[in-house]
Amino acid sequence: MQLLPDLSEPEARTPIEATSSLELLRSVYSDPGQPITRRLRAAIAALPFEHPKLAVVASMHANEGFAAQLEAAIARSRNVIEVSASNKDSLGRS
């Protein structure tokens, strides 16, 4: 039974040579000698850069501006067929 704390010098670790912060995070989370909490934090920090989120990207035609596309969308929305009560009866619905 050891009653006194271990005051010996910790093992000398080889320095991590990383050229970028992402490479540093990768080396930390892949090192089994690191504590699991440190490895998890490094993995969480690296996650958005290794697996980016899906995003919606708007595509604009080079010859049309935003206003022209908006006008075209408004024109298309006017073509929506409205079903009135009399049309429902002719379709066999009540």
PDB file of N, CA and C in Angstrom:
ATOM      1  N   MET A   1       0.847  -1.170   0.000  1.00  0.00           N
ATOM      2  CA  MET A   1       0.000   0.000   0.000  1.00  0.00           C
ATOM      3  C   MET A   1       0.894   1.234   0.000  1.00  0.00           C
ATOM      4  N   GLN A   2       0.577   2.167  -0.885  1.00  0.00           N
ATOM      5  CA  GLN A   2       1.390   3.369  -1.011  1.00  0.00           C
ATOM      6  C   GLN A   2       0.657   4.519  -0.337  1.00  0.00           C
ATOM      7  N   LEU A   3       1.249   5.035   0.737  1.00  0.00           N
ATOM      8  CA  LEU A   3       0.615   6.112   1.482  1.00  0.00           C
ATOM      9  C   LEU A   3       1.044   7.482   1.004  1.00  0.00           C
ATOM     10  N   LEU A   4       2.199   7.581   0.406  1.00  0.00           N
ATOM     11  CA  LEU A   4       2.706   8.860  -0.063  1.00  0.00           C
ATOM     12  C   LEU A   4       2.453   8.999  -1.555  1.00  0.00           C
ATOM     13  N   PRO A   5       2.205  10.227  -2.025  1.00  0.00           N
ATOM     14  CA  PRO A   5       1.978  10.407  -3.463  1.00  0.00           C
ATOM     15  C   PRO A   5       3.256  10.145  -4.249  1.00  0.00           C
ATOM     16  N   ASP A   6       3.095   9.764  -5.485  1.00  0.00           N
ATOM     17  CA  ASP A   6       4.232   9.499  -6.362  1.00  0.00           C
ATOM     18  C   ASP A   6       4.771  10.840  -6.864  1.00  0.00           C
ATOM     19  N   LEU A   7       5.948  11.224  -6.405  1.00  0.00           N
ATOM     20  CA  LEU A   7       6.552  12.501  -6.767  1.00  0.00           C
ATOM     21  C   LEU A   7       7.626  12.346  -7.828  1.00  0.00           C
ATOM     22  N   SER A   8       7.730  11.174  -8.414  1.00  0.00           N
ATOM     23  CA  SER A   8       8.742  10.971  -9.443  1.00  0.00           C
ATOM     24  C   SER A   8       8.365  11.753 -10.699  1.00  0.00           C
ATOM     25  N   GLU A   9       9.362  12.010 -11.497  1.00  0.00           N
ATOM     26  CA  GLU A   9       9.140  12.756 -12.737  1.00  0.00           C
ATOM     27  C   GLU A   9       8.305  11.919 -13.705  1.00  0.00           C
ATOM     28  N   PRO A  10       7.329  12.531 -14.352  1.00  0.00           N
ATOM     29  CA  PRO A  10       6.563  11.773 -15.347  1.00  0.00           C
ATOM     30  C   PRO A  10       7.449  11.414 -16.527  1.00  0.00           C
ATOM     31  N   GLU A  11       7.036  10.398 -17.259  1.00  0.00           N
ATOM     32  CA  GLU A  11       7.806   9.970 -18.425  1.00  0.00           C
ATOM     33  C   GLU A  11       7.918  11.113 -19.418  1.00  0.00           C
ATOM     34  N   ALA A  12       9.102  11.219 -19.979  1.00  0.00           N
ATOM     35  CA  ALA A  12       9.301  12.247 -21.005  1.00  0.00           C
ATOM     36  C   ALA A  12       8.581  11.809 -22.273  1.00  0.00           C
ATOM     37  N   ARG A  13       7.733  12.654 -22.776  1.00  0.00           N
ATOM     38  CA  ARG A  13       6.972  12.348 -23.986  1.00  0.00           C
ATOM     39  C   ARG A  13       7.659  13.000 -25.172  1.00  0.00           C
ATOM     40  N   THR A  14       7.556  12.359 -26.282  1.00  0.00           N
ATOM     41  CA  THR A  14       8.110  12.958 -27.490  1.00  0.00           C
ATOM     42  C   THR A  14       7.224  14.117 -27.901  1.00  0.00           C
ATOM     43  N   PRO A  15       7.810  15.214 -28.309  1.00  0.00           N
ATOM     44  CA  PRO A  15       6.985  16.357 -28.699  1.00  0.00           C
ATOM     45  C   PRO A  15       6.170  16.042 -29.951  1.00  0.00           C
ATOM     46  N   ILE A  16       4.995  16.625 -30.007  1.00  0.00           N
ATOM     47  CA  ILE A  16       4.116  16.429 -31.158  1.00  0.00           C
ATOM     48  C   ILE A  16       4.505  17.445 -32.216  1.00  0.00           C
ATOM     49  N   GLU A  17       4.809  16.948 -33.386  1.00  0.00           N
ATOM     50  CA  GLU A  17       5.159  17.847 -34.479  1.00  0.00           C
ATOM     51  C   GLU A  17       3.966  17.923 -35.429  1.00  0.00           C
ATOM     52  N   ALA A  18       3.265  19.032 -35.361  1.00  0.00           N
ATOM     53  CA  ALA A  18       2.087  19.222 -36.200  1.00  0.00           C
ATOM     54  C   ALA A  18       2.266  20.512 -36.985  1.00  0.00           C
ATOM     55  N   THR A  19       1.855  20.478 -38.234  1.00  0.00           N
ATOM     56  CA  THR A  19       1.983  21.669 -39.070  1.00  0.00           C
ATOM     57  C   THR A  19       0.722  22.520 -39.048  1.00  0.00           C
ATOM     58  N   SER A  20      -0.363  21.975 -38.543  1.00  0.00           N
ATOM     59  CA  SER A  20      -1.612  22.749 -38.459  1.00  0.00           C
ATOM     60  C   SER A  20      -2.352  22.365 -37.185  1.00  0.00           C
ATOM     61  N   SER A  21      -3.308  23.172 -36.823  1.00  0.00           N
ATOM     62  CA  SER A  21      -4.079  22.881 -35.619  1.00  0.00           C
ATOM     63  C   SER A  21      -4.905  21.609 -35.786  1.00  0.00           C
ATOM     64  N   LEU A  22      -5.421  21.355 -36.979  1.00  0.00           N
ATOM     65  CA  LEU A  22      -6.189  20.130 -37.212  1.00  0.00           C
ATOM     66  C   LEU A  22      -5.289  18.906 -37.086  1.00  0.00           C
ATOM     67  N   GLU A  23      -4.077  19.007 -37.585  1.00  0.00           N
ATOM     68  CA  GLU A  23      -3.143  17.894 -37.456  1.00  0.00           C
ATOM     69  C   GLU A  23      -2.801  17.646 -35.986  1.00  0.00           C
ATOM     70  N   LEU A  24      -2.692  18.703 -35.205  1.00  0.00           N
ATOM     71  CA  LEU A  24      -2.443  18.559 -33.767  1.00  0.00           C
ATOM     72  C   LEU A  24      -3.606  17.846 -33.090  1.00  0.00           C
ATOM     73  N   LEU A  25      -4.825  18.260 -33.405  1.00  0.00           N
ATOM     74  CA  LEU A  25      -6.001  17.609 -32.824  1.00  0.00           C
ATOM     75  C   LEU A  25      -6.051  16.131 -33.204  1.00  0.00           C
ATOM     76  N   ARG A  26      -5.748  15.825 -34.460  1.00  0.00           N
ATOM     77  CA  ARG A  26      -5.750  14.428 -34.902  1.00  0.00           C
ATOM     78  C   ARG A  26      -4.720  13.606 -34.134  1.00  0.00           C
ATOM     79  N   SER A  27      -3.543  14.189 -33.920  1.00  0.00           N
ATOM     80  CA  SER A  27      -2.508  13.431 -33.210  1.00  0.00           C
ATOM     81  C   SER A  27      -2.888  13.218 -31.748  1.00  0.00           C
ATOM     82  N   VAL A  28      -3.612  14.172 -31.147  1.00  0.00           N
ATOM     83  CA  VAL A  28      -4.030  14.011 -29.752  1.00  0.00           C
ATOM     84  C   VAL A  28      -5.111  12.944 -29.644  1.00  0.00           C
ATOM     85  N   TYR A  29      -6.154  13.007 -30.507  1.00  0.00           N
ATOM     86  CA  TYR A  29      -7.241  12.040 -30.329  1.00  0.00           C
ATOM     87  C   TYR A  29      -6.878  10.641 -30.802  1.00  0.00           C
ATOM     88  N   SER A  30      -5.802  10.509 -31.567  1.00  0.00           N
ATOM     89  CA  SER A  30      -5.407   9.166 -31.981  1.00  0.00           C
ATOM     90  C   SER A  30      -4.308   8.569 -31.097  1.00  0.00           C
ATOM     91  N   ASP A  31      -3.856   9.314 -30.085  1.00  0.00           N
ATOM     92  CA  ASP A  31      -2.806   8.840 -29.180  1.00  0.00           C
ATOM     93  C   ASP A  31      -3.435   8.093 -28.005  1.00  0.00           C
ATOM     94  N   PRO A  32      -3.265   6.766 -27.934  1.00  0.00           N
ATOM     95  CA  PRO A  32      -3.873   6.016 -26.829  1.00  0.00           C
ATOM     96  C   PRO A  32      -3.249   6.329 -25.466  1.00  0.00           C
ATOM     97  N   GLY A  33      -2.110   7.017 -25.458  1.00  0.00           N
ATOM     98  CA  GLY A  33      -1.475   7.384 -24.199  1.00  0.00           C
ATOM     99  C   GLY A  33      -2.114   8.601 -23.534  1.00  0.00           C
ATOM    100  N   GLN A  34      -2.950   9.308 -24.271  1.00  0.00           N
ATOM    101  CA  GLN A  34      -3.628  10.488 -23.725  1.00  0.00           C
ATOM    102  C   GLN A  34      -4.841  10.043 -22.917  1.00  0.00           C
ATOM    103  N   PRO A  35      -5.210  10.810 -21.900  1.00  0.00           N
ATOM    104  CA  PRO A  35      -6.439  10.486 -21.156  1.00  0.00           C
ATOM    105  C   PRO A  35      -7.655  10.577 -22.089  1.00  0.00           C
ATOM    106  N   ILE A  36      -8.655   9.758 -21.809  1.00  0.00           N
ATOM    107  CA  ILE A  36      -9.826   9.686 -22.688  1.00  0.00           C
ATOM    108  C   ILE A  36     -10.558  11.023 -22.776  1.00  0.00           C
ATOM    109  N   THR A  37     -10.589  11.794 -21.691  1.00  0.00           N
ATOM    110  CA  THR A  37     -11.286  13.093 -21.746  1.00  0.00           C
ATOM    111  C   THR A  37     -10.576  14.043 -22.702  1.00  0.00           C
ATOM    112  N   ARG A  38      -9.244  14.027 -22.702  1.00  0.00           N
ATOM    113  CA  ARG A  38      -8.490  14.883 -23.626  1.00  0.00           C
ATOM    114  C   ARG A  38      -8.697  14.422 -25.059  1.00  0.00           C
ATOM    115  N   ARG A  39      -8.728  13.109 -25.270  1.00  0.00           N
ATOM    116  CA  ARG A  39      -8.940  12.582 -26.614  1.00  0.00           C
ATOM    117  C   ARG A  39     -10.330  12.941 -27.134  1.00  0.00           C
ATOM    118  N   LEU A  40     -11.326  12.851 -26.254  1.00  0.00           N
ATOM    119  CA  LEU A  40     -12.689  13.203 -26.668  1.00  0.00           C
ATOM    120  C   LEU A  40     -12.805  14.681 -27.017  1.00  0.00           C
ATOM    121  N   ARG A  41     -12.198  15.537 -26.217  1.00  0.00           N
ATOM    122  CA  ARG A  41     -12.259  16.979 -26.507  1.00  0.00           C
ATOM    123  C   ARG A  41     -11.591  17.303 -27.831  1.00  0.00           C
ATOM    124  N   ALA A  42     -10.463  16.653 -28.105  1.00  0.00           N
ATOM    125  CA  ALA A  42      -9.775  16.879 -29.376  1.00  0.00           C
ATOM    126  C   ALA A  42     -10.623  16.374 -30.545  1.00  0.00           C
ATOM    127  N   ALA A  43     -11.272  15.230 -30.379  1.00  0.00           N
ATOM    128  CA  ALA A  43     -12.124  14.688 -31.443  1.00  0.00           C
ATOM    129  C   ALA A  43     -13.324  15.590 -31.701  1.00  0.00           C
ATOM    130  N   ILE A  44     -13.919  16.111 -30.632  1.00  0.00           N
ATOM    131  CA  ILE A  44     -15.069  17.010 -30.784  1.00  0.00           C
ATOM    132  C   ILE A  44     -14.649  18.299 -31.479  1.00  0.00           C
ATOM    133  N   ALA A  45     -13.473  18.818 -31.136  1.00  0.00           N
ATOM    134  CA  ALA A  45     -12.997  20.050 -31.758  1.00  0.00           C
ATOM    135  C   ALA A  45     -12.676  19.852 -33.237  1.00  0.00           C
ATOM    136  N   ALA A  46     -12.192  18.667 -33.610  1.00  0.00           N
ATOM    137  CA  ALA A  46     -11.814  18.402 -35.000  1.00  0.00           C
ATOM    138  C   ALA A  46     -13.005  18.012 -35.868  1.00  0.00           C
ATOM    139  N   LEU A  47     -14.085  17.582 -35.256  1.00  0.00           N
ATOM    140  CA  LEU A  47     -15.238  17.046 -35.983  1.00  0.00           C
ATOM    141  C   LEU A  47     -15.777  17.964 -37.085  1.00  0.00           C
ATOM    142  N   PRO A  48     -16.036  19.256 -36.836  1.00  0.00           N
ATOM    143  CA  PRO A  48     -16.604  20.086 -37.907  1.00  0.00           C
ATOM    144  C   PRO A  48     -15.679  20.256 -39.112  1.00  0.00           C
ATOM    145  N   PHE A  49     -14.388  20.055 -38.936  1.00  0.00           N
ATOM    146  CA  PHE A  49     -13.450  20.237 -40.035  1.00  0.00           C
ATOM    147  C   PHE A  49     -13.216  18.943 -40.811  1.00  0.00           C
ATOM    148  N   GLU A  50     -13.495  17.810 -40.188  1.00  0.00           N
ATOM    149  CA  GLU A  50     -13.339  16.529 -40.861  1.00  0.00           C
ATOM    150  C   GLU A  50     -14.637  16.067 -41.526  1.00  0.00           C
ATOM    151  N   HIS A  51     -15.767  16.430 -40.953  1.00  0.00           N
ATOM    152  CA  HIS A  51     -17.073  16.056 -41.504  1.00  0.00           C
ATOM    153  C   HIS A  51     -17.963  17.293 -41.522  1.00  0.00           C
ATOM    154  N   PRO A  52     -17.872  18.135 -42.553  1.00  0.00           N
ATOM    155  CA  PRO A  52     -18.663  19.365 -42.577  1.00  0.00           C
ATOM    156  C   PRO A  52     -20.158  19.087 -42.682  1.00  0.00           C
ATOM    157  N   LYS A  53     -20.946  20.007 -42.171  1.00  0.00           N
ATOM    158  CA  LYS A  53     -22.401  19.889 -42.223  1.00  0.00           C
ATOM    159  C   LYS A  53     -22.888  20.122 -43.651  1.00  0.00           C
ATOM    160  N   LEU A  54     -24.007  19.505 -43.956  1.00  0.00           N
ATOM    161  CA  LEU A  54     -24.639  19.774 -45.239  1.00  0.00           C
ATOM    162  C   LEU A  54     -25.321  21.129 -45.164  1.00  0.00           C
ATOM    163  N   ALA A  55     -25.259  21.876 -46.234  1.00  0.00           N
ATOM    164  CA  ALA A  55     -25.844  23.208 -46.237  1.00  0.00           C
ATOM    165  C   ALA A  55     -26.588  23.431 -47.550  1.00  0.00           C
ATOM    166  N   VAL A  56     -27.511  24.361 -47.518  1.00  0.00           N
ATOM    167  CA  VAL A  56     -28.243  24.742 -48.711  1.00  0.00           C
ATOM    168  C   VAL A  56     -27.441  25.822 -49.424  1.00  0.00           C
ATOM    169  N   VAL A  57     -27.267  25.647 -50.717  1.00  0.00           N
ATOM    170  CA  VAL A  57     -26.511  26.615 -51.501  1.00  0.00           C
ATOM    171  C   VAL A  57     -27.430  27.162 -52.582  1.00  0.00           C
ATOM    172  N   ALA A  58     -27.547  28.469 -52.642  1.00  0.00           N
ATOM    173  CA  ALA A  58     -28.381  29.097 -53.659  1.00  0.00           C
ATOM    174  C   ALA A  58     -27.582  29.218 -54.949  1.00  0.00           C
ATOM    175  N   SER A  59     -28.237  28.917 -56.051  1.00  0.00           N
ATOM    176  CA  SER A  59     -27.561  29.075 -57.342  1.00  0.00           C
ATOM    177  C   SER A  59     -28.248  30.192 -58.112  1.00  0.00           C
ATOM    178  N   MET A  60     -27.444  31.111 -58.566  1.00  0.00           N
ATOM    179  CA  MET A  60     -27.957  32.247 -59.329  1.00  0.00           C
ATOM    180  C   MET A  60     -27.392  32.153 -60.739  1.00  0.00           C
ATOM    181  N   HIS A  61     -28.244  32.366 -61.709  1.00  0.00           N
ATOM    182  CA  HIS A  61     -27.772  32.394 -63.090  1.00  0.00           C
ATOM    183  C   HIS A  61     -27.006  33.698 -63.291  1.00  0.00           C
ATOM    184  N   ALA A  62     -25.967  33.620 -64.060  1.00  0.00           N
ATOM    185  CA  ALA A  62     -25.099  34.785 -64.248  1.00  0.00           C
ATOM    186  C   ALA A  62     -25.822  35.922 -64.963  1.00  0.00           C
ATOM    187  N   ASN A  63     -26.731  35.595 -65.862  1.00  0.00           N
ATOM    188  CA  ASN A  63     -27.390  36.642 -66.641  1.00  0.00           C
ATOM    189  C   ASN A  63     -28.649  37.177 -65.963  1.00  0.00           C
ATOM    190  N   GLU A  64     -29.123  36.524 -64.913  1.00  0.00           N
ATOM    191  CA  GLU A  64     -30.318  36.988 -64.203  1.00  0.00           C
ATOM    192  C   GLU A  64     -29.936  37.434 -62.810  1.00  0.00           C
ATOM    193  N   GLY A  65     -30.560  38.496 -62.371  1.00  0.00           N
ATOM    194  CA  GLY A  65     -30.330  38.954 -61.019  1.00  0.00           C
ATOM    195  C   GLY A  65     -31.364  38.383 -60.069  1.00  0.00           C
ATOM    196  N   PHE A  66     -31.235  38.750 -58.814  1.00  0.00           N
ATOM    197  CA  PHE A  66     -32.163  38.265 -57.800  1.00  0.00           C
ATOM    198  C   PHE A  66     -33.578  38.752 -58.076  1.00  0.00           C
ATOM    199  N   ALA A  67     -33.720  40.010 -58.493  1.00  0.00           N
ATOM    200  CA  ALA A  67     -35.049  40.580 -58.750  1.00  0.00           C
ATOM    201  C   ALA A  67     -35.761  39.833 -59.873  1.00  0.00           C
ATOM    202  N   ALA A  68     -35.039  39.480 -60.920  1.00  0.00           N
ATOM    203  CA  ALA A  68     -35.648  38.754 -62.042  1.00  0.00           C
ATOM    204  C   ALA A  68     -36.108  37.370 -61.600  1.00  0.00           C
ATOM    205  N   GLN A  69     -35.310  36.701 -60.788  1.00  0.00           N
ATOM    206  CA  GLN A  69     -35.714  35.385 -60.294  1.00  0.00           C
ATOM    207  C   GLN A  69     -36.903  35.480 -59.357  1.00  0.00           C
ATOM    208  N   LEU A  70     -36.955  36.540 -58.551  1.00  0.00           N
ATOM    209  CA  LEU A  70     -38.088  36.745 -57.652  1.00  0.00           C
ATOM    210  C   LEU A  70     -39.365  36.978 -58.450  1.00  0.00           C
ATOM    211  N   GLU A  71     -39.301  37.777 -59.473  1.00  0.00           N
ATOM    212  CA  GLU A  71     -40.474  38.022 -60.325  1.00  0.00           C
ATOM    213  C   GLU A  71     -40.944  36.733 -60.992  1.00  0.00           C
ATOM    214  N   ALA A  72     -40.011  35.899 -61.435  1.00  0.00           N
ATOM    215  CA  ALA A  72     -40.376  34.626 -62.059  1.00  0.00           C
ATOM    216  C   ALA A  72     -41.053  33.704 -61.044  1.00  0.00           C
ATOM    217  N   ALA A  73     -40.581  33.698 -59.814  1.00  0.00           N
ATOM    218  CA  ALA A  73     -41.197  32.863 -58.775  1.00  0.00           C
ATOM    219  C   ALA A  73     -42.594  33.351 -58.452  1.00  0.00           C
ATOM    220  N   ILE A  74     -42.793  34.670 -58.410  1.00  0.00           N
ATOM    221  CA  ILE A  74     -44.129  35.225 -58.152  1.00  0.00           C
ATOM    222  C   ILE A  74     -45.077  34.850 -59.287  1.00  0.00           C
ATOM    223  N   ALA A  75     -44.604  34.923 -60.515  1.00  0.00           N
ATOM    224  CA  ALA A  75     -45.433  34.554 -61.666  1.00  0.00           C
ATOM    225  C   ALA A  75     -45.820  33.075 -61.602  1.00  0.00           C
ATOM    226  N   ARG A  76     -44.863  32.223 -61.208  1.00  0.00           N
ATOM    227  CA  ARG A  76     -45.185  30.794 -61.091  1.00  0.00           C
ATOM    228  C   ARG A  76     -46.201  30.545 -59.984  1.00  0.00           C
ATOM    229  N   SER A  77     -46.119  31.312 -58.904  1.00  0.00           N
ATOM    230  CA  SER A  77     -47.052  31.092 -57.804  1.00  0.00           C
ATOM    231  C   SER A  77     -48.461  31.531 -58.155  1.00  0.00           C
ATOM    232  N   ARG A  78     -48.611  32.411 -59.142  1.00  0.00           N
ATOM    233  CA  ARG A  78     -49.958  32.833 -59.569  1.00  0.00           C
ATOM    234  C   ARG A  78     -50.651  31.728 -60.362  1.00  0.00           C
ATOM    235  N   ASN A  79     -49.889  30.790 -60.875  1.00  0.00           N
ATOM    236  CA  ASN A  79     -50.450  29.708 -61.679  1.00  0.00           C
ATOM    237  C   ASN A  79     -50.995  28.560 -60.839  1.00  0.00           C
ATOM    238  N   VAL A  80     -50.979  28.693 -59.542  1.00  0.00           N
ATOM    239  CA  VAL A  80     -51.505  27.645 -58.672  1.00  0.00           C
ATOM    240  C   VAL A  80     -53.020  27.563 -58.862  1.00  0.00           C
ATOM    241  N   ILE A  81     -53.521  26.358 -59.045  1.00  0.00           N
ATOM    242  CA  ILE A  81     -54.950  26.165 -59.278  1.00  0.00           C
ATOM    243  C   ILE A  81     -55.654  26.115 -57.930  1.00  0.00           C
ATOM    244  N   GLU A  82     -56.629  26.974 -57.761  1.00  0.00           N
ATOM    245  CA  GLU A  82     -57.414  26.976 -56.540  1.00  0.00           C
ATOM    246  C   GLU A  82     -58.663  26.141 -56.763  1.00  0.00           C
ATOM    247  N   VAL A  83     -58.948  25.250 -55.836  1.00  0.00           N
ATOM    248  CA  VAL A  83     -60.113  24.388 -55.930  1.00  0.00           C
ATOM    249  C   VAL A  83     -61.210  25.017 -55.089  1.00  0.00           C
ATOM    250  N   SER A  84     -62.293  25.393 -55.742  1.00  0.00           N
ATOM    251  CA  SER A  84     -63.413  25.986 -55.020  1.00  0.00           C
ATOM    252  C   SER A  84     -64.386  24.882 -54.622  1.00  0.00           C
ATOM    253  N   ALA A  85     -65.427  25.244 -53.896  1.00  0.00           N
ATOM    254  CA  ALA A  85     -66.410  24.264 -53.424  1.00  0.00           C
ATOM    255  C   ALA A  85     -67.125  23.598 -54.592  1.00  0.00           C
ATOM    256  N   SER A  86     -67.449  24.355 -55.649  1.00  0.00           N
ATOM    257  CA  SER A  86     -68.143  23.758 -56.788  1.00  0.00           C
ATOM    258  C   SER A  86     -67.224  22.798 -57.547  1.00  0.00           C
ATOM    259  N   ASN A  87     -65.928  23.078 -57.598  1.00  0.00           N
ATOM    260  CA  ASN A  87     -64.995  22.183 -58.264  1.00  0.00           C
ATOM    261  C   ASN A  87     -64.822  20.885 -57.475  1.00  0.00           C
ATOM    262  N   LYS A  88     -64.918  20.957 -56.141  1.00  0.00           N
ATOM    263  CA  LYS A  88     -64.795  19.747 -55.325  1.00  0.00           C
ATOM    264  C   LYS A  88     -65.921  18.763 -55.643  1.00  0.00           C
ATOM    265  N   ASP A  89     -67.158  19.313 -55.832  1.00  0.00           N
ATOM    266  CA  ASP A  89     -68.283  18.449 -56.131  1.00  0.00           C
ATOM    267  C   ASP A  89     -68.119  17.767 -57.480  1.00  0.00           C
ATOM    268  N   SER A  90     -67.559  18.473 -58.429  1.00  0.00           N
ATOM    269  CA  SER A  90     -67.395  17.877 -59.760  1.00  0.00           C
ATOM    270  C   SER A  90     -66.282  16.833 -59.760  1.00  0.00           C
ATOM    271  N   LEU A  91     -65.383  16.901 -58.770  1.00  0.00           N
ATOM    272  CA  LEU A  91     -64.327  15.911 -58.681  1.00  0.00           C
ATOM    273  C   LEU A  91     -64.760  14.667 -57.909  1.00  0.00           C
ATOM    274  N   GLY A  92     -65.984  14.658 -57.367  1.00  0.00           N
ATOM    275  CA  GLY A  92     -66.497  13.515 -56.663  1.00  0.00           C
ATOM    276  C   GLY A  92     -66.139  13.523 -55.183  1.00  0.00           C
ATOM    277  N   ARG A  93     -65.690  14.640 -54.700  1.00  0.00           N
ATOM    278  CA  ARG A  93     -65.358  14.764 -53.275  1.00  0.00           C
ATOM    279  C   ARG A  93     -66.440  15.555 -52.579  1.00  0.00           C
ATOM    280  N   SER A  94     -66.634  15.287 -51.332  1.00  0.00           N
ATOM    281  CA  SER A  94     -67.648  16.054 -50.613  1.00  0.00           C
ATOM    282  C   SER A  94     -67.045  16.844 -49.496  1.00  0.00           C
TER     283      SER A  94
END
